[in-house]
Amino acid sequence: MYRNRIAVLLIVMGLLFGASLRGEERIVRMQEVEAIQVLQKLGATIDYDDEGYVRCVECDFVGRSKDQNLNDSHMQYIARFSRLRQLWLWHTEVSDAGLVVLKKLPELEELALITAYERNKPSRITDAGMKYLAGLKKLKILRLDDSDVTVAGLIDLKGLTTLEDLD
């Protein structure tokens, strides 16, 4: 928890006092700070690389009500982390529609979309959402536990030549 606060503080200080950041990069970093704050307020765990960029977002919302959960509208914040390598979504309200923004994450290597937390209800992740993953050319690990993805949906992933682990 303190590590996250320190990282956010360092990013903010760098934005305020860092002359080395160009205007565009400064705007991007400010958008990242806003996204970090929103996601942490929801309870997401965020990890950073050596340069202070977000490299991992983990969201585990088992047992939470819908109004306290990560959903499709929150995915816009995750899309701000252009250097994101790992995204683990456990028991969230994210659906196929929320996966559209993943195309903004070209560095993504690991993705977990484990969204069915009510065993008697269908998953929000289906064959229709797999087309949004097709552009993730660096993806190595994909977890779709408890999803409604079938072999037909996996055909959209045939171009992911770096994929090593599909569960």
Foldseek 3Di string as FASTA:
>chain_A
DVVLVVLLVVLVCCLVPPPPDDPVRSVLSVLLSVLSVVLVQLPWDWDADPVSATAEIADADQPHDQVSFDELVSLVSVLSRQNHAYYHYHQGHYALNSLQSCLSHQNHAEYEDHHPNPLVDAGRYELSSLLSVCNNQNHAYYEDPRHHYDPNSCVSNPNNPNHNYYD
